[in-house]
């Protein structure tokens, strides 16, 4: 169980670090490349957030929530998927 905590914290630290790499996008193309994976950082962050909450690590959860918010903010500008709202309405209607 101890190794699991270590691996989850290592993965969370990696996601936190990677999510802030796009801040240095003007310095080098490698950092700009990291900006293309924001959705993946958000998804990985949510999975790790659940695991860290189960492991009762509130400071790690707070740091990871901040990095999720930072990575998800630019994604909010994208328009919604066209058929998704109609599919949700049809699924809840009946």
C-alpha atoms as a PDB file:
ATOM      1  CA  UNK A   1       0.000   0.000   0.000  1.00  0.00           C
ATOM      2  CA  UNK A   2       2.904   2.333   0.658  1.00  0.00           C
ATOM      3  CA  UNK A   3       4.188   1.983  -2.911  1.00  0.00           C
ATOM      4  CA  UNK A   4       0.721   2.825  -4.234  1.00  0.00           C
ATOM      5  CA  UNK A   5       0.709   6.108  -2.312  1.00  0.00           C
ATOM      6  CA  UNK A   6       4.150   6.914  -3.694  1.00  0.00           C
ATOM      7  CA  UNK A   7       3.133   6.171  -7.292  1.00  0.00           C
ATOM      8  CA  UNK A   8      -0.069   8.215  -7.016  1.00  0.00           C
ATOM      9  CA  UNK A   9       1.813  11.180  -5.527  1.00  0.00           C
ATOM     10  CA  UNK A  10       4.506  10.904  -8.195  1.00  0.00           C
ATOM     11  CA  UNK A  11       1.874  10.868 -10.934  1.00  0.00           C
ATOM     12  CA  UNK A  12       0.092  13.840  -9.341  1.00  0.00           C
ATOM     13  CA  UNK A  13       3.340  15.799  -9.143  1.00  0.00           C
ATOM     14  CA  UNK A  14       3.976  15.007 -12.797  1.00  0.00           C
ATOM     15  CA  UNK A  15       0.522  16.187 -13.873  1.00  0.00           C
ATOM     16  CA  UNK A  16       0.881  19.351 -11.798  1.00  0.00           C
ATOM     17  CA  UNK A  17       4.282  20.081 -13.313  1.00  0.00           C
ATOM     18  CA  UNK A  18       3.210  19.298 -16.858  1.00  0.00           C
ATOM     19  CA  UNK A  19       0.072  21.405 -16.653  1.00  0.00           C
ATOM     20  CA  UNK A  20       2.121  24.546 -16.007  1.00  0.00           C
ATOM     21  CA  UNK A  21       4.641  23.972 -18.821  1.00  0.00           C
ATOM     22  CA  UNK A  22       2.592  25.970 -21.361  1.00  0.00           C
ATOM     23  CA  UNK A  23       3.427  29.117 -19.383  1.00  0.00           C
ATOM     24  CA  UNK A  24       6.901  28.980 -20.925  1.00  0.00           C
ATOM     25  CA  UNK A  25       5.627  28.431 -24.481  1.00  0.00           C
ATOM     26  CA  UNK A  26       7.355  31.511 -25.831  1.00  0.00           C
ATOM     27  CA  UNK A  27      10.753  30.321 -24.637  1.00  0.00           C
ATOM     28  CA  UNK A  28      10.942  27.001 -26.485  1.00  0.00           C
ATOM     29  CA  UNK A  29       8.810  24.950 -28.845  1.00  0.00           C
ATOM     30  CA  UNK A  30       8.837  21.974 -26.464  1.00  0.00           C
ATOM     31  CA  UNK A  31       6.908  23.968 -23.887  1.00  0.00           C
ATOM     32  CA  UNK A  32       4.493  25.093 -26.588  1.00  0.00           C
ATOM     33  CA  UNK A  33       3.941  21.450 -27.491  1.00  0.00           C
ATOM     34  CA  UNK A  34       2.790  20.798 -23.923  1.00  0.00           C
ATOM     35  CA  UNK A  35      -0.120  23.190 -24.501  1.00  0.00           C
ATOM     36  CA  UNK A  36      -1.656  20.692 -26.933  1.00  0.00           C
ATOM     37  CA  UNK A  37      -2.326  18.161 -24.176  1.00  0.00           C
ATOM     38  CA  UNK A  38      -4.460  20.214 -21.788  1.00  0.00           C
ATOM     39  CA  UNK A  39      -7.462  17.908 -22.092  1.00  0.00           C
ATOM     40  CA  UNK A  40      -5.305  14.919 -21.202  1.00  0.00           C
ATOM     41  CA  UNK A  41      -3.954  16.791 -18.147  1.00  0.00           C
ATOM     42  CA  UNK A  42      -7.523  17.483 -17.029  1.00  0.00           C
ATOM     43  CA  UNK A  43      -8.622  13.855 -17.413  1.00  0.00           C
ATOM     44  CA  UNK A  44      -5.525  12.481 -15.680  1.00  0.00           C
ATOM     45  CA  UNK A  45      -5.936  15.109 -12.979  1.00  0.00           C
ATOM     46  CA  UNK A  46      -9.521  14.057 -12.251  1.00  0.00           C
ATOM     47  CA  UNK A  47      -8.533  10.401 -11.975  1.00  0.00           C
ATOM     48  CA  UNK A  48      -5.666  11.257  -9.649  1.00  0.00           C
ATOM     49  CA  UNK A  49      -7.882  13.617  -7.674  1.00  0.00           C
ATOM     50  CA  UNK A  50     -10.258  10.762  -6.908  1.00  0.00           C
ATOM     51  CA  UNK A  51      -7.377   8.486  -5.920  1.00  0.00           C
ATOM     52  CA  UNK A  52      -5.829  11.131  -3.690  1.00  0.00           C
ATOM     53  CA  UNK A  53      -9.189  11.807  -2.067  1.00  0.00           C
ATOM     54  CA  UNK A  54      -9.502   8.091  -1.312  1.00  0.00           C
ATOM     55  CA  UNK A  55      -5.988   8.163   0.158  1.00  0.00           C
ATOM     56  CA  UNK A  56      -6.994  11.216   2.242  1.00  0.00           C
ATOM     57  CA  UNK A  57      -4.363  13.640   0.962  1.00  0.00           C
ATOM     58  CA  UNK A  58      -6.111  17.047   1.094  1.00  0.00           C
ATOM     59  CA  UNK A  59      -3.079  19.194   0.216  1.00  0.00           C
ATOM     60  CA  UNK A  60      -2.344  17.109  -2.846  1.00  0.00           C
ATOM     61  CA  UNK A  61      -6.024  17.321  -3.798  1.00  0.00           C
ATOM     62  CA  UNK A  62      -5.947  21.103  -3.506  1.00  0.00           C
ATOM     63  CA  UNK A  63      -2.794  21.404  -5.614  1.00  0.00           C
ATOM     64  CA  UNK A  64      -4.170  19.047  -8.226  1.00  0.00           C
ATOM     65  CA  UNK A  65      -7.510  20.883  -8.311  1.00  0.00           C
ATOM     66  CA  UNK A  66      -5.617  24.100  -9.003  1.00  0.00           C
ATOM     67  CA  UNK A  67      -3.735  22.541 -11.883  1.00  0.00           C
ATOM     68  CA  UNK A  68      -6.967  21.059 -13.263  1.00  0.00           C
ATOM     69  CA  UNK A  69      -8.572  24.493 -13.180  1.00  0.00           C
ATOM     70  CA  UNK A  70      -5.506  26.011 -14.843  1.00  0.00           C
ATOM     71  CA  UNK A  71      -5.581  23.430 -17.643  1.00  0.00           C
ATOM     72  CA  UNK A  72      -9.361  23.475 -18.080  1.00  0.00           C
ATOM     73  CA  UNK A  73      -9.704  27.253 -18.312  1.00  0.00           C
ATOM     74  CA  UNK A  74      -8.485  27.539 -21.949  1.00  0.00           C
ATOM     75  CA  UNK A  75     -10.692  24.587 -22.914  1.00  0.00           C
ATOM     76  CA  UNK A  76     -13.821  26.509 -21.909  1.00  0.00           C
ATOM     77  CA  UNK A  77     -13.508  28.644 -25.050  1.00  0.00           C
ATOM     78  CA  UNK A  78     -14.211  25.684 -27.327  1.00  0.00           C
ATOM     79  CA  UNK A  79     -17.790  25.342 -28.549  1.00  0.00           C
ATOM     80  CA  UNK A  80     -19.859  22.392 -27.327  1.00  0.00           C
ATOM     81  CA  UNK A  81     -20.214  19.259 -29.418  1.00  0.00           C
ATOM     82  CA  UNK A  82     -23.276  19.806 -31.702  1.00  0.00           C
ATOM     83  CA  UNK A  83     -25.261  16.634 -31.070  1.00  0.00           C
ATOM     84  CA  UNK A  84     -24.391  16.266 -27.398  1.00  0.00           C
ATOM     85  CA  UNK A  85     -27.141  18.528 -26.022  1.00  0.00           C
ATOM     86  CA  UNK A  86     -29.800  16.800 -28.145  1.00  0.00           C
ATOM     87  CA  UNK A  87     -28.557  13.373 -27.070  1.00  0.00           C
ATOM     88  CA  UNK A  88     -28.679  14.364 -23.411  1.00  0.00           C
ATOM     89  CA  UNK A  89     -32.194  15.741 -23.783  1.00  0.00           C
ATOM     90  CA  UNK A  90     -33.359  12.554 -25.501  1.00  0.00           C
ATOM     91  CA  UNK A  91     -31.748  10.350 -22.856  1.00  0.00           C
ATOM     92  CA  UNK A  92     -33.359  12.189 -19.942  1.00  0.00           C
ATOM     93  CA  UNK A  93     -36.760  12.489 -21.610  1.00  0.00           C
ATOM     94  CA  UNK A  94     -37.563   8.922 -21.711  1.00  0.00           C
END
